[in-house]
C-alpha atoms as a PDB file:
ATOM      1  CA  MET A   1     181.191  58.026  38.922  1.00  0.00           C
ATOM      2  CA  LYS A   2     184.620  56.389  38.862  1.00  0.00           C
ATOM      3  CA  LEU A   3     186.006  55.597  35.452  1.00  0.00           C
ATOM      4  CA  PRO A   4     188.153  52.496  35.064  1.00  0.00           C
ATOM      5  CA  SER A   5     191.848  53.294  35.392  1.00  0.00           C
ATOM      6  CA  PRO A   6     193.501  51.222  32.673  1.00  0.00           C
ATOM      7  CA  SER A   7     191.907  50.086  29.489  1.00  0.00           C
ATOM      8  CA  HIS A   8     193.209  47.663  26.921  1.00  0.00           C
ATOM      9  CA  THR A   9     192.559  49.132  23.521  1.00  0.00           C
ATOM     10  CA  ARG A  10     193.661  47.751  20.181  1.00  0.00           C
ATOM     11  CA  PRO A  11     197.218  48.942  19.518  1.00  0.00           C
ATOM     12  CA  ALA A  12     198.334  50.809  16.443  1.00  0.00           C
ATOM     13  CA  PRO A  13     199.806  48.498  13.792  1.00  0.00           C
ATOM     14  CA  ASP A  14     203.346  49.916  14.206  1.00  0.00           C
ATOM     15  CA  PRO A  15     203.734  51.239  17.769  1.00  0.00           C
ATOM     16  CA  ALA A  16     206.889  52.658  19.299  1.00  0.00           C
ATOM     17  CA  PRO A  17     209.626  50.098  19.947  1.00  0.00           C
ATOM     18  CA  VAL A  18     208.834  47.736  22.803  1.00  0.00           C
ATOM     19  CA  LEU A  19     210.678  44.702  24.120  1.00  0.00           C
ATOM     20  CA  ARG A  20     209.830  41.696  21.936  1.00  0.00           C
ATOM     21  CA  TRP A  21     209.920  38.000  22.802  1.00  0.00           C
ATOM     22  CA  SER A  22     212.941  37.480  20.511  1.00  0.00           C
ATOM     23  CA  ASP A  23     214.948  40.095  22.455  1.00  0.00           C
ATOM     24  CA  SER A  24     213.892  39.022  25.936  1.00  0.00           C
ATOM     25  CA  HIS A  25     215.368  36.707  28.533  1.00  0.00           C
ATOM     26  CA  GLN A  26     213.080  33.866  27.422  1.00  0.00           C
ATOM     27  CA  GLN A  27     214.211  31.248  29.937  1.00  0.00           C
ATOM     28  CA  ALA A  28     213.631  33.611  32.861  1.00  0.00           C
ATOM     29  CA  ILE A  29     210.122  34.393  31.590  1.00  0.00           C
ATOM     30  CA  ARG A  30     209.342  30.716  30.999  1.00  0.00           C
ATOM     31  CA  SER A  31     210.505  29.843  34.523  1.00  0.00           C
ATOM     32  CA  LEU A  32     208.576  32.702  36.115  1.00  0.00           C
ATOM     33  CA  LEU A  33     205.323  31.850  34.341  1.00  0.00           C
ATOM     34  CA  ALA A  34     205.723  28.115  35.013  1.00  0.00           C
ATOM     35  CA  ARG A  35     205.321  29.019  38.696  1.00  0.00           C
ATOM     36  CA  PHE A  36     201.710  29.884  37.809  1.00  0.00           C
ATOM     37  CA  GLY A  37     201.233  26.679  35.795  1.00  0.00           C
ATOM     38  CA  LEU A  38     201.609  28.397  32.412  1.00  0.00           C
ATOM     39  CA  GLU A  39     203.450  26.959  29.438  1.00  0.00           C
ATOM     40  CA  ILE A  40     204.778  29.179  26.644  1.00  0.00           C
ATOM     41  CA  ARG A  41     204.407  27.849  23.104  1.00  0.00           C
ATOM     42  CA  ASP A  42     206.415  29.419  20.280  1.00  0.00           C
ATOM     43  CA  CYS A  43     204.739  29.978  16.905  1.00  0.00           C
ATOM     44  CA  PRO A  44     206.570  30.510  13.612  1.00  0.00           C
ATOM     45  CA  LEU A  45     207.028  34.130  12.570  1.00  0.00           C
ATOM     46  CA  GLY A  46     204.298  35.146  10.131  1.00  0.00           C
ATOM     47  CA  SER A  47     201.818  32.506  11.270  1.00  0.00           C
ATOM     48  CA  PRO A  48     198.635  33.357  13.154  1.00  0.00           C
ATOM     49  CA  ILE A  49     198.960  33.169  16.946  1.00  0.00           C
ATOM     50  CA  PRO A  50     196.410  30.712  18.373  1.00  0.00           C
ATOM     51  CA  GLY A  51     194.190  32.263  21.012  1.00  0.00           C
ATOM     52  CA  SER A  52     195.232  35.857  20.257  1.00  0.00           C
ATOM     53  CA  TYR A  53     192.365  38.214  21.012  1.00  0.00           C
ATOM     54  CA  TRP A  54     193.856  41.100  19.028  1.00  0.00           C
ATOM     55  CA  GLY A  55     195.674  39.101  16.349  1.00  0.00           C
ATOM     56  CA  GLU A  56     198.848  40.422  14.724  1.00  0.00           C
ATOM     57  CA  SER A  57     201.748  39.930  17.138  1.00  0.00           C
ATOM     58  CA  GLU A  58     199.700  39.852  20.351  1.00  0.00           C
ATOM     59  CA  ALA A  59     200.056  36.829  22.655  1.00  0.00           C
ATOM     60  CA  GLY A  60     197.339  34.180  22.643  1.00  0.00           C
ATOM     61  CA  LEU A  61     195.901  32.257  25.566  1.00  0.00           C
ATOM     62  CA  ILE A  62     194.231  28.850  25.406  1.00  0.00           C
ATOM     63  CA  GLY A  63     193.889  27.075  28.709  1.00  0.00           C
ATOM     64  CA  SER A  64     197.268  27.134  30.432  1.00  0.00           C
ATOM     65  CA  ARG A  65     199.150  27.631  27.156  1.00  0.00           C
ATOM     66  CA  LEU A  66     200.444  31.053  26.216  1.00  0.00           C
ATOM     67  CA  HIS A  67     201.183  31.327  22.485  1.00  0.00           C
ATOM     68  CA  VAL A  68     203.815  33.782  21.243  1.00  0.00           C
ATOM     69  CA  ARG A  69     205.930  34.591  18.197  1.00  0.00           C
ATOM     70  CA  SER A  70     209.350  36.193  18.089  1.00  0.00           C
ATOM     71  CA  ASP A  71     207.655  39.565  17.407  1.00  0.00           C
ATOM     72  CA  THR A  72     205.219  39.293  20.344  1.00  0.00           C
ATOM     73  CA  PRO A  73     205.666  42.167  22.794  1.00  0.00           C
ATOM     74  CA  VAL A  74     206.703  40.952  26.238  1.00  0.00           C
ATOM     75  CA  HIS A  75     204.087  43.238  27.822  1.00  0.00           C
ATOM     76  CA  SER A  76     201.422  41.375  25.809  1.00  0.00           C
ATOM     77  CA  LEU A  77     202.502  37.923  26.955  1.00  0.00           C
ATOM     78  CA  LEU A  78     202.718  39.101  30.588  1.00  0.00           C
ATOM     79  CA  HIS A  79     199.305  40.747  30.311  1.00  0.00           C
ATOM     80  CA  GLU A  80     197.699  37.545  29.051  1.00  0.00           C
ATOM     81  CA  ALA A  81     199.577  35.501  31.662  1.00  0.00           C
ATOM     82  CA  CYS A  82     198.257  37.791  34.388  1.00  0.00           C
ATOM     83  CA  HIS A  83     194.713  37.345  33.063  1.00  0.00           C
ATOM     84  CA  PHE A  84     195.213  33.595  33.562  1.00  0.00           C
ATOM     85  CA  VAL A  85     196.400  34.216  37.139  1.00  0.00           C
ATOM     86  CA  CYS A  86     193.573  36.630  38.019  1.00  0.00           C
ATOM     87  CA  MET A  87     190.565  34.839  36.526  1.00  0.00           C
ATOM     88  CA  ASP A  88     188.374  32.570  38.611  1.00  0.00           C
ATOM     89  CA  PRO A  89     188.789  28.787  38.243  1.00  0.00           C
ATOM     90  CA  MET A  90     185.628  28.292  36.153  1.00  0.00           C
ATOM     91  CA  ARG A  91     186.718  30.826  33.535  1.00  0.00           C
ATOM     92  CA  ARG A  92     190.219  29.359  33.572  1.00  0.00           C
ATOM     93  CA  LEU A  93     188.820  25.908  32.710  1.00  0.00           C
ATOM     94  CA  ALA A  94     187.033  27.258  29.620  1.00  0.00           C
ATOM     95  CA  LEU A  95     189.726  29.759  28.636  1.00  0.00           C
ATOM     96  CA  HIS A  96     190.119  30.265  24.903  1.00  0.00           C
ATOM     97  CA  THR A  97     191.190  33.612  23.435  1.00  0.00           C
ATOM     98  CA  ASP A  98     188.974  36.045  25.405  1.00  0.00           C
ATOM     99  CA  ALA A  99     190.043  36.235  29.058  1.00  0.00           C
ATOM    100  CA  GLY A 100     187.009  38.346  29.963  1.00  0.00           C
ATOM    101  CA  GLY A 101     186.781  39.856  33.423  1.00  0.00           C
ATOM    102  CA  ASP A 102     185.495  43.130  34.792  1.00  0.00           C
ATOM    103  CA  ASP A 103     187.222  46.507  35.229  1.00  0.00           C
ATOM    104  CA  ALA A 104     188.524  45.645  38.708  1.00  0.00           C
ATOM    105  CA  GLU A 105     190.126  42.461  37.398  1.00  0.00           C
ATOM    106  CA  GLU A 106     191.621  44.310  34.411  1.00  0.00           C
ATOM    107  CA  ASP A 107     193.186  46.821  36.812  1.00  0.00           C
ATOM    108  CA  ALA A 108     194.604  43.915  38.855  1.00  0.00           C
ATOM    109  CA  VAL A 109     196.012  42.310  35.693  1.00  0.00           C
ATOM    110  CA  CYS A 110     197.831  45.528  34.760  1.00  0.00           C
ATOM    111  CA  TYR A 111     199.187  45.933  38.284  1.00  0.00           C
ATOM    112  CA  LEU A 112     200.383  42.316  38.434  1.00  0.00           C
ATOM    113  CA  GLN A 113     202.145  42.487  35.066  1.00  0.00           C
ATOM    114  CA  ILE A 114     204.105  45.514  36.318  1.00  0.00           C
ATOM    115  CA  LEU A 115     204.818  43.818  39.639  1.00  0.00           C
ATOM    116  CA  ILE A 116     206.188  40.583  38.181  1.00  0.00           C
ATOM    117  CA  ALA A 117     208.221  42.426  35.510  1.00  0.00           C
ATOM    118  CA  ALA A 118     210.663  43.238  38.307  1.00  0.00           C
ATOM    119  CA  GLY A 119     211.745  39.579  38.297  1.00  0.00           C
ATOM    120  CA  ILE A 120     212.688  39.489  34.621  1.00  0.00           C
ATOM    121  CA  PRO A 121     216.259  40.381  33.616  1.00  0.00           C
ATOM    122  CA  ALA A 122     216.528  43.271  31.119  1.00  0.00           C
ATOM    123  CA  LEU A 123     212.875  44.184  31.661  1.00  0.00           C
ATOM    124  CA  GLY A 124     211.946  45.441  35.118  1.00  0.00           C
ATOM    125  CA  GLN A 125     209.041  47.617  36.132  1.00  0.00           C
ATOM    126  CA  GLU A 126     210.194  50.868  34.512  1.00  0.00           C
ATOM    127  CA  ARG A 127     210.584  49.263  31.089  1.00  0.00           C
ATOM    128  CA  MET A 128     207.266  47.421  31.479  1.00  0.00           C
ATOM    129  CA  MET A 129     205.442  50.668  32.223  1.00  0.00           C
ATOM    130  CA  ALA A 130     207.185  52.485  29.355  1.00  0.00           C
ATOM    131  CA  ASP A 131     206.238  49.663  26.967  1.00  0.00           C
ATOM    132  CA  MET A 132     202.625  49.727  28.174  1.00  0.00           C
ATOM    133  CA  ASP A 133     202.490  53.473  27.517  1.00  0.00           C
ATOM    134  CA  ALA A 134     204.171  53.143  24.100  1.00  0.00           C
ATOM    135  CA  TRP A 135     201.744  50.397  23.028  1.00  0.00           C
ATOM    136  CA  GLY A 136     198.657  52.399  23.899  1.00  0.00           C
ATOM    137  CA  TYR A 137     197.414  51.275  27.301  1.00  0.00           C
ATOM    138  CA  THR A 138     195.554  54.252  28.744  1.00  0.00           C
ATOM    139  CA  PHE A 139     195.376  55.367  32.349  1.00  0.00           C
ATOM    140  CA  ARG A 140     193.326  58.029  34.053  1.00  0.00           C
ATOM    141  CA  LEU A 141     196.431  59.791  35.387  1.00  0.00           C
ATOM    142  CA  GLY A 142     198.149  59.708  32.004  1.00  0.00           C
ATOM    143  CA  SER A 143     200.778  56.982  32.331  1.00  0.00           C
ATOM    144  CA  ALA A 144     201.250  53.492  33.668  1.00  0.00           C
ATOM    145  CA  GLY A 145     203.897  54.729  36.117  1.00  0.00           C
ATOM    146  CA  THR A 146     201.732  57.447  37.601  1.00  0.00           C
ATOM    147  CA  TRP A 147     198.798  55.050  37.879  1.00  0.00           C
ATOM    148  CA  PHE A 148     200.960  52.331  39.485  1.00  0.00           C
ATOM    149  CA  GLU A 149     202.462  54.723  42.047  1.00  0.00           C
ATOM    150  CA  GLN A 150     199.477  56.964  42.818  1.00  0.00           C
ATOM    151  CA  ASP A 151     196.164  55.419  41.779  1.00  0.00           C
ATOM    152  CA  ALA A 152     196.349  51.627  41.891  1.00  0.00           C
ATOM    153  CA  VAL A 153     195.495  50.914  45.532  1.00  0.00           C
ATOM    154  CA  GLU A 154     192.223  49.231  44.538  1.00  0.00           C
ATOM    155  CA  ALA A 155     194.067  46.931  42.116  1.00  0.00           C
ATOM    156  CA  LEU A 156     196.531  45.932  44.822  1.00  0.00           C
ATOM    157  CA  ASP A 157     193.687  45.380  47.301  1.00  0.00           C
ATOM    158  CA  TRP A 158     191.998  43.115  44.728  1.00  0.00           C
ATOM    159  CA  LEU A 159     195.191  41.084  44.288  1.00  0.00           C
ATOM    160  CA  ARG A 160     195.555  40.724  48.071  1.00  0.00           C
ATOM    161  CA  LEU A 161     191.907  39.744  48.490  1.00  0.00           C
ATOM    162  CA  HIS A 162     192.342  36.906  45.988  1.00  0.00           C
ATOM    163  CA  GLY A 163     195.653  35.701  47.455  1.00  0.00           C
ATOM    164  CA  ILE A 164     197.709  36.669  44.416  1.00  0.00           C
ATOM    165  CA  THR A 165     199.917  39.045  46.405  1.00  0.00           C
ATOM    166  CA  ASP A 166     200.745  39.089  50.096  1.00  0.00           C
ATOM    167  CA  GLU A 167     200.390  42.031  52.485  1.00  0.00           C
ATOM    168  CA  ALA A 168     203.787  43.365  51.365  1.00  0.00           C
ATOM    169  CA  ALA A 169     202.641  43.432  47.704  1.00  0.00           C
ATOM    170  CA  ARG A 170     204.839  40.471  46.752  1.00  0.00           C
ATOM    171  CA  PRO A 171     203.481  37.811  44.374  1.00  0.00           C
ATOM    172  CA  THR A 172     202.431  34.599  46.132  1.00  0.00           C
ATOM    173  CA  TRP A 173     202.889  32.675  42.855  1.00  0.00           C
ATOM    174  CA  SER A 174     199.365  31.335  43.237  1.00  0.00           C
ATOM    175  CA  VAL A 175     196.483  31.719  40.813  1.00  0.00           C
ATOM    176  CA  ARG A 176     193.112  32.963  41.983  1.00  0.00           C
ATOM    177  CA  ARG A 177     191.238  30.163  43.713  1.00  0.00           C
ATOM    178  CA  GLY A 178     187.718  31.456  44.013  1.00  0.00           C
END
């Protein structure tokens, strides 16, 4: 029996330092996510984040709006954005807080967030994977980097099947159509 590779578990209240929205290249992230039809909405520090599944500083997703605060980890907002990209159109229409999806889709979401991190100044794939590990994402092979390099072929195949990446593993900047 194959166990799912990554899992998204509730993070510890005070995890190791990760890149936060306030310290990121916000315009680059906004532009990148706009290619998928996503809009980032800023929330005041200390206020609840609308659509946040985990609460606290985690990004929230309602329809095509991604809600963040200055203390939101960039890996969280990219993870939720990638859920939006990977979900089928019917779920996307009703999207509010819980992105849902099965293990294969969750794997694809994790792979895509690492893949598109390469296009964000001062982030990149190495930092994304380190932040995922620091926050508490868990992978069968022990780290996001090892999973991405050695055990994620099924996630990449899923992304290709749904037209989210091309044959060279580059994003197509399209959301899942069916």
